[in-house]
Amino acid sequence: MKILDSIEKYKGLTCLLIIGSIFTVLDLYTSKVGLERGYLEGSPFMDQIIANIGIGGFLVVNLILSALLLTFLAWGSVKKLEGQYCYIPLIIYCIIRGAAVVNNVLIIF
């Protein structure tokens, strides 16, 4: 019974994690397409990674950092925030990543 209560309790966070992961993959894909077409990366940190290890390395580093950030946001939300406030960090992440996807799509296509 305790496991079912946990699943029900964190259903909203799980949905936000899935949405955040989808936006991350879409952002990486649209960034890859843009970089292959000659567009520049907006982040100076990621631009240095592209210059040093290429687009493939950029994708791997970005995916690892994004997964760590999502994990940290979910863990921090559960441990430090109560009630509806626990959704705020992941909602902000989803908004930022969603905006990046929209921006990339508008630039590329």
C-alpha atoms as a PDB file:
ATOM      1  CA  MET A   1       0.000   0.000   0.000  1.00  0.00           C
ATOM      2  CA  LYS A   2       2.906   2.333   0.754  1.00  0.00           C
ATOM      3  CA  ILE A   3       4.272   2.050  -2.803  1.00  0.00           C
ATOM      4  CA  LEU A   4       0.890   2.920  -4.312  1.00  0.00           C
ATOM      5  CA  ASP A   5       0.661   5.978  -2.065  1.00  0.00           C
ATOM      6  CA  SER A   6       4.106   7.116  -3.243  1.00  0.00           C
ATOM      7  CA  ILE A   7       3.158   6.672  -6.893  1.00  0.00           C
ATOM      8  CA  GLU A   8      -0.018   8.691  -6.405  1.00  0.00           C
ATOM      9  CA  LYS A   9       1.815  11.359  -4.424  1.00  0.00           C
ATOM     10  CA  TYR A  10       4.492  11.933  -7.085  1.00  0.00           C
ATOM     11  CA  LYS A  11       2.338  11.545 -10.199  1.00  0.00           C
ATOM     12  CA  GLY A  12       2.556  15.268 -11.002  1.00  0.00           C
ATOM     13  CA  LEU A  13       6.319  15.342 -10.620  1.00  0.00           C
ATOM     14  CA  THR A  14       6.638  12.264 -12.829  1.00  0.00           C
ATOM     15  CA  CYS A  15       4.593  13.940 -15.557  1.00  0.00           C
ATOM     16  CA  LEU A  16       6.752  17.055 -15.341  1.00  0.00           C
ATOM     17  CA  LEU A  17       9.908  14.927 -15.525  1.00  0.00           C
ATOM     18  CA  ILE A  18       8.596  13.241 -18.669  1.00  0.00           C
ATOM     19  CA  ILE A  19       7.642  16.580 -20.242  1.00  0.00           C
ATOM     20  CA  GLY A  20      11.018  18.047 -19.300  1.00  0.00           C
ATOM     21  CA  SER A  21      12.789  15.040 -20.821  1.00  0.00           C
ATOM     22  CA  ILE A  22      10.800  15.359 -24.052  1.00  0.00           C
ATOM     23  CA  PHE A  23      11.609  19.077 -24.282  1.00  0.00           C
ATOM     24  CA  THR A  24      15.282  18.268 -23.634  1.00  0.00           C
ATOM     25  CA  VAL A  25      15.400  15.733 -26.463  1.00  0.00           C
ATOM     26  CA  LEU A  26      13.555  18.118 -28.802  1.00  0.00           C
ATOM     27  CA  ASP A  27      15.951  20.938 -27.880  1.00  0.00           C
ATOM     28  CA  LEU A  28      18.967  18.710 -28.532  1.00  0.00           C
ATOM     29  CA  TYR A  29      17.570  17.566 -31.867  1.00  0.00           C
ATOM     30  CA  THR A  30      16.695  21.062 -33.066  1.00  0.00           C
ATOM     31  CA  SER A  31      20.080  22.340 -31.847  1.00  0.00           C
ATOM     32  CA  LYS A  32      21.813  19.557 -33.783  1.00  0.00           C
ATOM     33  CA  VAL A  33      19.904  20.406 -36.954  1.00  0.00           C
ATOM     34  CA  GLY A  34      20.680  24.106 -36.544  1.00  0.00           C
ATOM     35  CA  LEU A  35      24.371  23.485 -35.906  1.00  0.00           C
ATOM     36  CA  GLU A  36      24.595  21.224 -38.945  1.00  0.00           C
ATOM     37  CA  ARG A  37      23.037  24.018 -41.035  1.00  0.00           C
ATOM     38  CA  GLY A  38      25.654  26.481 -39.863  1.00  0.00           C
ATOM     39  CA  TYR A  39      23.851  28.304 -37.077  1.00  0.00           C
ATOM     40  CA  LEU A  40      25.783  29.201 -33.937  1.00  0.00           C
ATOM     41  CA  GLU A  41      25.093  27.939 -30.416  1.00  0.00           C
ATOM     42  CA  GLY A  42      23.818  30.688 -28.121  1.00  0.00           C
ATOM     43  CA  SER A  43      25.486  29.422 -24.961  1.00  0.00           C
ATOM     44  CA  PRO A  44      29.172  30.386 -24.680  1.00  0.00           C
ATOM     45  CA  PHE A  45      29.819  27.327 -22.472  1.00  0.00           C
ATOM     46  CA  MET A  46      28.281  24.933 -24.988  1.00  0.00           C
ATOM     47  CA  ASP A  47      29.959  26.806 -27.848  1.00  0.00           C
ATOM     48  CA  GLN A  48      33.336  25.949 -26.293  1.00  0.00           C
ATOM     49  CA  ILE A  49      32.317  22.304 -25.998  1.00  0.00           C
ATOM     50  CA  ILE A  50      31.341  22.253 -29.681  1.00  0.00           C
ATOM     51  CA  ALA A  51      34.677  23.841 -30.628  1.00  0.00           C
ATOM     52  CA  ASN A  52      36.637  21.281 -28.586  1.00  0.00           C
ATOM     53  CA  ILE A  53      34.764  17.991 -29.025  1.00  0.00           C
ATOM     54  CA  GLY A  54      32.253  18.590 -31.838  1.00  0.00           C
ATOM     55  CA  ILE A  55      28.515  18.330 -32.179  1.00  0.00           C
ATOM     56  CA  GLY A  56      28.368  14.740 -30.913  1.00  0.00           C
ATOM     57  CA  GLY A  57      30.214  15.687 -27.748  1.00  0.00           C
ATOM     58  CA  PHE A  58      27.937  18.686 -27.340  1.00  0.00           C
ATOM     59  CA  LEU A  59      24.893  16.420 -27.493  1.00  0.00           C
ATOM     60  CA  VAL A  60      26.323  13.965 -24.955  1.00  0.00           C
ATOM     61  CA  VAL A  61      27.440  16.664 -22.494  1.00  0.00           C
ATOM     62  CA  ASN A  62      24.152  18.546 -22.834  1.00  0.00           C
ATOM     63  CA  LEU A  63      22.137  15.357 -22.293  1.00  0.00           C
ATOM     64  CA  ILE A  64      24.156  14.375 -19.206  1.00  0.00           C
ATOM     65  CA  LEU A  65      23.934  17.868 -17.684  1.00  0.00           C
ATOM     66  CA  SER A  66      20.209  18.043 -18.419  1.00  0.00           C
ATOM     67  CA  ALA A  67      19.578  14.636 -16.840  1.00  0.00           C
ATOM     68  CA  LEU A  68      21.541  15.670 -13.748  1.00  0.00           C
ATOM     69  CA  LEU A  69      19.653  18.949 -13.521  1.00  0.00           C
ATOM     70  CA  LEU A  70      16.260  17.248 -13.887  1.00  0.00           C
ATOM     71  CA  THR A  71      17.211  14.713 -11.228  1.00  0.00           C
ATOM     72  CA  PHE A  72      18.415  17.440  -8.878  1.00  0.00           C
ATOM     73  CA  LEU A  73      15.267  19.529  -9.433  1.00  0.00           C
ATOM     74  CA  ALA A  74      12.993  16.555  -8.773  1.00  0.00           C
ATOM     75  CA  TRP A  75      14.919  15.494  -5.674  1.00  0.00           C
ATOM     76  CA  GLY A  76      15.093  19.054  -4.347  1.00  0.00           C
ATOM     77  CA  SER A  77      11.409  19.561  -4.998  1.00  0.00           C
ATOM     78  CA  VAL A  78      10.482  16.482  -2.998  1.00  0.00           C
ATOM     79  CA  LYS A  79      12.900  17.150  -0.142  1.00  0.00           C
ATOM     80  CA  LYS A  80      12.660  20.920   0.268  1.00  0.00           C
ATOM     81  CA  LEU A  81       9.266  22.086  -1.011  1.00  0.00           C
ATOM     82  CA  GLU A  82       5.793  21.207   0.187  1.00  0.00           C
ATOM     83  CA  GLY A  83       2.397  21.045  -1.445  1.00  0.00           C
ATOM     84  CA  GLN A  84       1.940  22.637  -4.842  1.00  0.00           C
ATOM     85  CA  TYR A  85       5.262  24.478  -4.513  1.00  0.00           C
ATOM     86  CA  CYS A  86       7.142  21.280  -5.319  1.00  0.00           C
ATOM     87  CA  TYR A  87       6.102  21.620  -8.972  1.00  0.00           C
ATOM     88  CA  ILE A  88       7.582  25.094  -9.495  1.00  0.00           C
ATOM     89  CA  PRO A  89      11.234  24.168 -10.264  1.00  0.00           C
ATOM     90  CA  LEU A  90      10.243  21.567 -12.858  1.00  0.00           C
ATOM     91  CA  ILE A  91       7.627  23.869 -14.394  1.00  0.00           C
ATOM     92  CA  ILE A  92      10.291  26.553 -14.793  1.00  0.00           C
ATOM     93  CA  TYR A  93      12.649  24.003 -16.395  1.00  0.00           C
ATOM     94  CA  CYS A  94       9.908  22.928 -18.826  1.00  0.00           C
ATOM     95  CA  ILE A  95       9.135  26.543 -19.751  1.00  0.00           C
ATOM     96  CA  ILE A  96      12.812  27.317 -20.416  1.00  0.00           C
ATOM     97  CA  ARG A  97      13.374  24.175 -22.472  1.00  0.00           C
ATOM     98  CA  GLY A  98      10.082  24.648 -24.313  1.00  0.00           C
ATOM     99  CA  ALA A  99      11.061  28.216 -25.188  1.00  0.00           C
ATOM    100  CA  ALA A 100      14.417  26.939 -26.484  1.00  0.00           C
ATOM    101  CA  VAL A 101      12.645  24.415 -28.714  1.00  0.00           C
ATOM    102  CA  VAL A 102      10.277  27.051 -30.104  1.00  0.00           C
ATOM    103  CA  ASN A 103      13.207  29.414 -30.700  1.00  0.00           C
ATOM    104  CA  ASN A 104      15.208  26.716 -32.507  1.00  0.00           C
ATOM    105  CA  VAL A 105      12.254  25.697 -34.667  1.00  0.00           C
ATOM    106  CA  LEU A 106      11.565  29.317 -35.658  1.00  0.00           C
ATOM    107  CA  ILE A 107      15.213  29.860 -36.593  1.00  0.00           C
ATOM    108  CA  ILE A 108      15.670  26.584 -38.463  1.00  0.00           C
ATOM    109  CA  PHE A 109      12.408  26.364 -40.343  1.00  0.00           C
END
